């Protein structure tokens, strides 16, 4: 798919896919959106000292980079798994200008399908797979945080199915959270249907009015 670099309102860049008429990040602010939804409302919502994180849609690696930076600042051990069916080449990501940190390149050029300790506090495993199939076949994981960052439901409906949310619920630890930029009522109801306790939270500054965070209820197994 063709991808075009576009600037967002906070000065950071994103990729636009004409074939889908879809952006990888919010045009209101790529970095601002990722920081708010996935770090502030996701990672920082759990107290687990060594959280295991799953990202649905590794994409540009921006969410992984921000998580690595948070892990380093907080000296908190994070194990991060990113699932991506269509990986981006490093040259395409580098052109976005997200970071001069050499570790950002390492995130993209490290081997797939194996754990790699990027720093003493951040270990990454990248999986090239279709999340809808991979998770149905591999539910023996124990994730504390899930970043759900697939393309919008109207662009990629198979990624927003009740079956996929059931698989995500099954592979989460009790008390774990899933965060997403999508606050549509139908998505909220799907999350509730599989057992999550769902809350609507304020969206990122200057961006969407609301986002969703769902928690695996301690009273539901």
C-alpha atoms as a PDB file:
ATOM      1  CA  UNK A   1       0.000   0.000   0.000  1.00  0.00           C
ATOM      2  CA  UNK A   2       1.172   3.500  -0.800  1.00  0.00           C
ATOM      3  CA  UNK A   3       1.858   5.685   2.221  1.00  0.00           C
ATOM      4  CA  UNK A   4       2.274   9.464   2.319  1.00  0.00           C
ATOM      5  CA  UNK A   5       3.913  11.450   5.135  1.00  0.00           C
ATOM      6  CA  UNK A   6       1.689  14.171   6.565  1.00  0.00           C
ATOM      7  CA  UNK A   7       2.233  16.590   9.439  1.00  0.00           C
ATOM      8  CA  UNK A   8      -0.199  16.574  12.369  1.00  0.00           C
ATOM      9  CA  UNK A   9      -1.263  19.510  14.511  1.00  0.00           C
ATOM     10  CA  UNK A  10       1.251  18.920  17.321  1.00  0.00           C
ATOM     11  CA  UNK A  11       4.152  19.074  14.841  1.00  0.00           C
ATOM     12  CA  UNK A  12       4.749  15.319  14.694  1.00  0.00           C
ATOM     13  CA  UNK A  13       4.225  13.371  11.476  1.00  0.00           C
ATOM     14  CA  UNK A  14       2.040  10.430  10.508  1.00  0.00           C
ATOM     15  CA  UNK A  15       1.448   8.237   7.480  1.00  0.00           C
ATOM     16  CA  UNK A  16      -1.618   8.469   5.261  1.00  0.00           C
ATOM     17  CA  UNK A  17      -2.815   5.438   3.273  1.00  0.00           C
ATOM     18  CA  UNK A  18      -4.813   6.633   0.232  1.00  0.00           C
ATOM     19  CA  UNK A  19      -6.104   3.121  -0.490  1.00  0.00           C
ATOM     20  CA  UNK A  20      -7.898   3.087   2.873  1.00  0.00           C
ATOM     21  CA  UNK A  21      -8.300   6.857   3.201  1.00  0.00           C
ATOM     22  CA  UNK A  22      -6.850   6.372   6.674  1.00  0.00           C
ATOM     23  CA  UNK A  23      -4.030   7.794   8.820  1.00  0.00           C
ATOM     24  CA  UNK A  24      -1.775   5.802  11.136  1.00  0.00           C
ATOM     25  CA  UNK A  25      -2.306   8.409  13.885  1.00  0.00           C
ATOM     26  CA  UNK A  26      -4.622  11.269  14.725  1.00  0.00           C
ATOM     27  CA  UNK A  27      -4.186  14.317  12.489  1.00  0.00           C
ATOM     28  CA  UNK A  28      -4.720  16.358  15.656  1.00  0.00           C
ATOM     29  CA  UNK A  29      -1.364  15.167  16.983  1.00  0.00           C
ATOM     30  CA  UNK A  30       0.353  11.825  16.446  1.00  0.00           C
ATOM     31  CA  UNK A  31       2.712  11.891  19.416  1.00  0.00           C
ATOM     32  CA  UNK A  32       0.173  13.587  21.696  1.00  0.00           C
ATOM     33  CA  UNK A  33      -2.424  10.921  20.918  1.00  0.00           C
ATOM     34  CA  UNK A  34      -0.077   7.994  21.527  1.00  0.00           C
ATOM     35  CA  UNK A  35       1.248   9.415  24.791  1.00  0.00           C
ATOM     36  CA  UNK A  36      -2.224  10.089  26.186  1.00  0.00           C
ATOM     37  CA  UNK A  37      -4.086   6.958  25.125  1.00  0.00           C
ATOM     38  CA  UNK A  38      -1.446   4.291  25.507  1.00  0.00           C
ATOM     39  CA  UNK A  39       1.057   5.556  28.078  1.00  0.00           C
ATOM     40  CA  UNK A  40      -0.952   7.824  30.376  1.00  0.00           C
ATOM     41  CA  UNK A  41      -4.250   5.901  30.213  1.00  0.00           C
ATOM     42  CA  UNK A  42      -2.797   2.440  29.601  1.00  0.00           C
ATOM     43  CA  UNK A  43       0.660   1.749  31.010  1.00  0.00           C
ATOM     44  CA  UNK A  44       0.226   4.149  33.916  1.00  0.00           C
ATOM     45  CA  UNK A  45      -3.174   2.648  34.800  1.00  0.00           C
ATOM     46  CA  UNK A  46      -1.638  -0.597  36.075  1.00  0.00           C
ATOM     47  CA  UNK A  47       0.574  -0.988  39.130  1.00  0.00           C
ATOM     48  CA  UNK A  48       2.200  -4.256  38.087  1.00  0.00           C
ATOM     49  CA  UNK A  49       5.956  -3.744  38.633  1.00  0.00           C
ATOM     50  CA  UNK A  50       6.895  -5.741  35.506  1.00  0.00           C
ATOM     51  CA  UNK A  51       3.987  -5.332  33.092  1.00  0.00           C
ATOM     52  CA  UNK A  52       3.603  -7.401  29.956  1.00  0.00           C
ATOM     53  CA  UNK A  53       2.233  -5.269  27.132  1.00  0.00           C
ATOM     54  CA  UNK A  54       0.610  -6.330  23.863  1.00  0.00           C
ATOM     55  CA  UNK A  55       0.216  -3.909  20.976  1.00  0.00           C
ATOM     56  CA  UNK A  56      -2.245  -4.698  18.212  1.00  0.00           C
ATOM     57  CA  UNK A  57      -0.709  -2.896  15.237  1.00  0.00           C
ATOM     58  CA  UNK A  58       3.018  -2.201  15.771  1.00  0.00           C
ATOM     59  CA  UNK A  59       2.967   0.202  12.817  1.00  0.00           C
ATOM     60  CA  UNK A  60       5.506   3.010  13.052  1.00  0.00           C
ATOM     61  CA  UNK A  61       6.752   1.836  16.449  1.00  0.00           C
ATOM     62  CA  UNK A  62       5.816   5.157  18.070  1.00  0.00           C
ATOM     63  CA  UNK A  63       3.869   3.478  20.886  1.00  0.00           C
ATOM     64  CA  UNK A  64       6.787   1.131  21.556  1.00  0.00           C
ATOM     65  CA  UNK A  65       9.240   4.046  21.585  1.00  0.00           C
ATOM     66  CA  UNK A  66       7.150   6.026  24.089  1.00  0.00           C
ATOM     67  CA  UNK A  67       6.817   2.931  26.260  1.00  0.00           C
ATOM     68  CA  UNK A  68      10.568   2.330  26.165  1.00  0.00           C
ATOM     69  CA  UNK A  69      11.169   5.958  27.191  1.00  0.00           C
ATOM     70  CA  UNK A  70       8.686   5.610  30.067  1.00  0.00           C
ATOM     71  CA  UNK A  71      10.303   2.359  31.213  1.00  0.00           C
ATOM     72  CA  UNK A  72      13.722   4.021  31.271  1.00  0.00           C
ATOM     73  CA  UNK A  73      12.505   7.095  33.176  1.00  0.00           C
ATOM     74  CA  UNK A  74      10.622   5.032  35.729  1.00  0.00           C
ATOM     75  CA  UNK A  75      13.150   2.158  35.848  1.00  0.00           C
ATOM     76  CA  UNK A  76      10.237  -0.204  35.364  1.00  0.00           C
ATOM     77  CA  UNK A  77      10.744  -3.538  33.636  1.00  0.00           C
ATOM     78  CA  UNK A  78       8.478  -3.894  30.602  1.00  0.00           C
ATOM     79  CA  UNK A  79       8.045  -6.852  28.260  1.00  0.00           C
ATOM     80  CA  UNK A  80       6.457  -5.622  25.032  1.00  0.00           C
ATOM     81  CA  UNK A  81       4.896  -7.728  22.266  1.00  0.00           C
ATOM     82  CA  UNK A  82       3.892  -6.061  19.018  1.00  0.00           C
ATOM     83  CA  UNK A  83       1.808  -7.840  16.376  1.00  0.00           C
ATOM     84  CA  UNK A  84       2.028  -6.469  12.846  1.00  0.00           C
ATOM     85  CA  UNK A  85       1.052  -8.158   9.591  1.00  0.00           C
ATOM     86  CA  UNK A  86       2.579  -5.517   7.313  1.00  0.00           C
ATOM     87  CA  UNK A  87       5.839  -4.199   8.845  1.00  0.00           C
ATOM     88  CA  UNK A  88       7.196  -0.848   7.721  1.00  0.00           C
ATOM     89  CA  UNK A  89      10.744  -0.527   6.465  1.00  0.00           C
ATOM     90  CA  UNK A  90      13.059   1.432   8.762  1.00  0.00           C
ATOM     91  CA  UNK A  91      13.715   4.001   6.013  1.00  0.00           C
ATOM     92  CA  UNK A  92      10.014   4.806   5.846  1.00  0.00           C
ATOM     93  CA  UNK A  93       9.758   5.198   9.617  1.00  0.00           C
ATOM     94  CA  UNK A  94      12.984   7.192   9.873  1.00  0.00           C
ATOM     95  CA  UNK A  95      11.552   9.765   7.452  1.00  0.00           C
ATOM     96  CA  UNK A  96       8.862  10.594  10.030  1.00  0.00           C
ATOM     97  CA  UNK A  97      11.511  12.103  12.317  1.00  0.00           C
ATOM     98  CA  UNK A  98      10.078  10.760  15.565  1.00  0.00           C
ATOM     99  CA  UNK A  99      13.364  10.392  17.429  1.00  0.00           C
ATOM    100  CA  UNK A 100      17.140  10.683  17.178  1.00  0.00           C
ATOM    101  CA  UNK A 101      17.481   7.943  19.795  1.00  0.00           C
ATOM    102  CA  UNK A 102      19.454   5.114  18.136  1.00  0.00           C
ATOM    103  CA  UNK A 103      17.308   2.635  20.064  1.00  0.00           C
ATOM    104  CA  UNK A 104      14.359   3.619  17.885  1.00  0.00           C
ATOM    105  CA  UNK A 105      16.145   2.127  14.883  1.00  0.00           C
ATOM    106  CA  UNK A 106      16.899  -0.967  16.944  1.00  0.00           C
ATOM    107  CA  UNK A 107      13.170  -1.441  17.557  1.00  0.00           C
ATOM    108  CA  UNK A 108      12.651  -1.710  13.819  1.00  0.00           C
ATOM    109  CA  UNK A 109      15.748  -3.597  12.712  1.00  0.00           C
ATOM    110  CA  UNK A 110      15.914  -6.238  15.457  1.00  0.00           C
ATOM    111  CA  UNK A 111      14.873  -9.819  14.535  1.00  0.00           C
ATOM    112  CA  UNK A 112      11.240 -10.850  14.497  1.00  0.00           C
ATOM    113  CA  UNK A 113       9.741 -13.737  16.461  1.00  0.00           C
ATOM    114  CA  UNK A 114      12.214 -13.583  19.349  1.00  0.00           C
ATOM    115  CA  UNK A 115      12.654 -11.675  22.609  1.00  0.00           C
ATOM    116  CA  UNK A 116      15.300  -8.939  22.422  1.00  0.00           C
ATOM    117  CA  UNK A 117      16.433  -6.933  25.452  1.00  0.00           C
ATOM    118  CA  UNK A 118      16.671  -3.428  23.973  1.00  0.00           C
ATOM    119  CA  UNK A 119      17.653  -2.004  27.384  1.00  0.00           C
ATOM    120  CA  UNK A 120      17.830  -3.508  30.888  1.00  0.00           C
ATOM    121  CA  UNK A 121      14.245  -2.255  31.372  1.00  0.00           C
ATOM    122  CA  UNK A 122      12.657  -2.927  27.984  1.00  0.00           C
ATOM    123  CA  UNK A 123      12.363  -6.251  26.171  1.00  0.00           C
ATOM    124  CA  UNK A 124      10.620  -6.431  22.814  1.00  0.00           C
ATOM    125  CA  UNK A 125       9.149  -9.289  20.817  1.00  0.00           C
ATOM    126  CA  UNK A 126       7.767  -8.504  17.364  1.00  0.00           C
ATOM    127  CA  UNK A 127       5.380 -10.955  15.743  1.00  0.00           C
ATOM    128  CA  UNK A 128       4.567 -10.748  12.044  1.00  0.00           C
ATOM    129  CA  UNK A 129       1.085 -12.189  11.949  1.00  0.00           C
ATOM    130  CA  UNK A 130      -2.603 -11.513  11.523  1.00  0.00           C
ATOM    131  CA  UNK A 131      -3.754 -10.782  15.068  1.00  0.00           C
ATOM    132  CA  UNK A 132      -7.166 -12.332  14.438  1.00  0.00           C
ATOM    133  CA  UNK A 133      -5.547 -15.705  13.722  1.00  0.00           C
ATOM    134  CA  UNK A 134      -2.490 -15.475  15.955  1.00  0.00           C
ATOM    135  CA  UNK A 135      -4.401 -14.778  19.156  1.00  0.00           C
ATOM    136  CA  UNK A 136      -6.992 -17.476  18.519  1.00  0.00           C
ATOM    137  CA  UNK A 137      -4.158 -19.997  18.300  1.00  0.00           C
ATOM    138  CA  UNK A 138      -2.066 -18.575  21.142  1.00  0.00           C
ATOM    139  CA  UNK A 139      -4.168 -17.753  24.198  1.00  0.00           C
ATOM    140  CA  UNK A 140      -1.608 -18.886  26.761  1.00  0.00           C
ATOM    141  CA  UNK A 141      -0.261 -15.372  27.289  1.00  0.00           C
ATOM    142  CA  UNK A 142      -0.660 -13.175  30.362  1.00  0.00           C
ATOM    143  CA  UNK A 143      -0.786  -9.529  29.354  1.00  0.00           C
ATOM    144  CA  UNK A 144      -1.329  -6.659  31.774  1.00  0.00           C
ATOM    145  CA  UNK A 145      -1.857  -3.910  29.193  1.00  0.00           C
ATOM    146  CA  UNK A 146      -3.110  -4.047  25.611  1.00  0.00           C
ATOM    147  CA  UNK A 147      -2.684  -1.137  23.226  1.00  0.00           C
ATOM    148  CA  UNK A 148      -5.445  -1.598  20.662  1.00  0.00           C
ATOM    149  CA  UNK A 149      -4.274   0.546  17.752  1.00  0.00           C
ATOM    150  CA  UNK A 150      -5.763  -1.067  14.650  1.00  0.00           C
ATOM    151  CA  UNK A 151      -7.166   1.019  11.806  1.00  0.00           C
ATOM    152  CA  UNK A 152     -10.713   2.308  12.366  1.00  0.00           C
ATOM    153  CA  UNK A 153     -13.622  -0.178  12.456  1.00  0.00           C
ATOM    154  CA  UNK A 154     -15.055   1.040   9.161  1.00  0.00           C
ATOM    155  CA  UNK A 155     -11.651   0.555   7.491  1.00  0.00           C
ATOM    156  CA  UNK A 156     -10.656  -2.750   9.106  1.00  0.00           C
ATOM    157  CA  UNK A 157     -13.852  -4.338  10.534  1.00  0.00           C
ATOM    158  CA  UNK A 158     -12.294  -7.775  11.048  1.00  0.00           C
ATOM    159  CA  UNK A 159     -10.040  -6.266  13.718  1.00  0.00           C
ATOM    160  CA  UNK A 160     -12.995  -5.122  15.827  1.00  0.00           C
ATOM    161  CA  UNK A 161     -14.908  -8.389  16.138  1.00  0.00           C
ATOM    162  CA  UNK A 162     -16.377  -9.942  19.267  1.00  0.00           C
ATOM    163  CA  UNK A 163     -14.248 -13.027  18.610  1.00  0.00           C
ATOM    164  CA  UNK A 164     -11.024 -11.029  18.693  1.00  0.00           C
ATOM    165  CA  UNK A 165     -12.051  -9.248  21.886  1.00  0.00           C
ATOM    166  CA  UNK A 166     -12.852 -12.634  23.435  1.00  0.00           C
ATOM    167  CA  UNK A 167      -9.324 -13.788  22.591  1.00  0.00           C
ATOM    168  CA  UNK A 168      -7.852 -10.612  24.073  1.00  0.00           C
ATOM    169  CA  UNK A 169      -9.863 -11.121  27.248  1.00  0.00           C
ATOM    170  CA  UNK A 170      -8.633 -14.712  27.495  1.00  0.00           C
ATOM    171  CA  UNK A 171      -4.961 -13.760  27.223  1.00  0.00           C
ATOM    172  CA  UNK A 172      -5.083 -10.964  29.837  1.00  0.00           C
ATOM    173  CA  UNK A 173      -4.290 -11.083  33.516  1.00  0.00           C
ATOM    174  CA  UNK A 174      -7.109 -10.209  35.897  1.00  0.00           C
ATOM    175  CA  UNK A 175      -7.085  -6.451  36.425  1.00  0.00           C
ATOM    176  CA  UNK A 176      -5.381  -5.867  33.078  1.00  0.00           C
ATOM    177  CA  UNK A 177      -6.486  -2.986  30.851  1.00  0.00           C
ATOM    178  CA  UNK A 178      -6.988  -2.409  27.160  1.00  0.00           C
ATOM    179  CA  UNK A 179      -6.985   1.118  25.749  1.00  0.00           C
ATOM    180  CA  UNK A 180      -8.102   2.359  22.351  1.00  0.00           C
ATOM    181  CA  UNK A 181      -8.778   5.624  20.578  1.00  0.00           C
ATOM    182  CA  UNK A 182     -12.148   4.330  19.344  1.00  0.00           C
ATOM    183  CA  UNK A 183     -15.073   5.335  21.562  1.00  0.00           C
ATOM    184  CA  UNK A 184     -17.916   4.180  19.320  1.00  0.00           C
ATOM    185  CA  UNK A 185     -20.899   2.754  21.184  1.00  0.00           C
ATOM    186  CA  UNK A 186     -20.788  -0.510  19.253  1.00  0.00           C
ATOM    187  CA  UNK A 187     -17.168  -1.105  20.301  1.00  0.00           C
ATOM    188  CA  UNK A 188     -17.952  -0.279  23.932  1.00  0.00           C
ATOM    189  CA  UNK A 189     -20.805  -2.785  23.884  1.00  0.00           C
ATOM    190  CA  UNK A 190     -18.639  -5.492  22.291  1.00  0.00           C
ATOM    191  CA  UNK A 191     -16.027  -5.076  25.018  1.00  0.00           C
ATOM    192  CA  UNK A 192     -18.717  -5.278  27.684  1.00  0.00           C
ATOM    193  CA  UNK A 193     -20.236  -8.358  26.039  1.00  0.00           C
ATOM    194  CA  UNK A 194     -17.041 -10.381  26.468  1.00  0.00           C
ATOM    195  CA  UNK A 195     -16.658  -9.414  30.133  1.00  0.00           C
ATOM    196  CA  UNK A 196     -14.708  -6.160  30.274  1.00  0.00           C
ATOM    197  CA  UNK A 197     -15.655  -3.279  32.538  1.00  0.00           C
ATOM    198  CA  UNK A 198     -15.536  -0.301  30.168  1.00  0.00           C
ATOM    199  CA  UNK A 199     -15.084   3.372  30.939  1.00  0.00           C
ATOM    200  CA  UNK A 200     -15.093   6.400  28.686  1.00  0.00           C
ATOM    201  CA  UNK A 201     -12.210   8.754  29.400  1.00  0.00           C
ATOM    202  CA  UNK A 202     -11.314  12.225  28.105  1.00  0.00           C
ATOM    203  CA  UNK A 203      -9.440  12.113  24.817  1.00  0.00           C
ATOM    204  CA  UNK A 204      -6.012  13.624  24.136  1.00  0.00           C
ATOM    205  CA  UNK A 205      -5.568  17.420  24.268  1.00  0.00           C
ATOM    206  CA  UNK A 206      -6.939  18.954  21.094  1.00  0.00           C
ATOM    207  CA  UNK A 207      -8.026  15.577  19.775  1.00  0.00           C
ATOM    208  CA  UNK A 208     -10.938  13.161  20.162  1.00  0.00           C
ATOM    209  CA  UNK A 209     -13.439  14.022  22.866  1.00  0.00           C
ATOM    210  CA  UNK A 210     -13.426  10.530  24.386  1.00  0.00           C
ATOM    211  CA  UNK A 211     -11.451   7.281  24.335  1.00  0.00           C
ATOM    212  CA  UNK A 212     -12.142   3.861  25.850  1.00  0.00           C
ATOM    213  CA  UNK A 213     -10.374   1.894  28.557  1.00  0.00           C
ATOM    214  CA  UNK A 214     -11.563  -1.596  29.426  1.00  0.00           C
ATOM    215  CA  UNK A 215     -10.541  -3.603  32.485  1.00  0.00           C
ATOM    216  CA  UNK A 216     -10.671  -7.351  33.009  1.00  0.00           C
ATOM    217  CA  UNK A 217     -12.947  -7.414  36.018  1.00  0.00           C
ATOM    218  CA  UNK A 218     -11.536  -9.201  39.048  1.00  0.00           C
ATOM    219  CA  UNK A 219     -14.913 -10.819  39.672  1.00  0.00           C
ATOM    220  CA  UNK A 220     -15.120 -12.407  36.219  1.00  0.00           C
ATOM    221  CA  UNK A 221     -12.996 -15.348  35.183  1.00  0.00           C
END
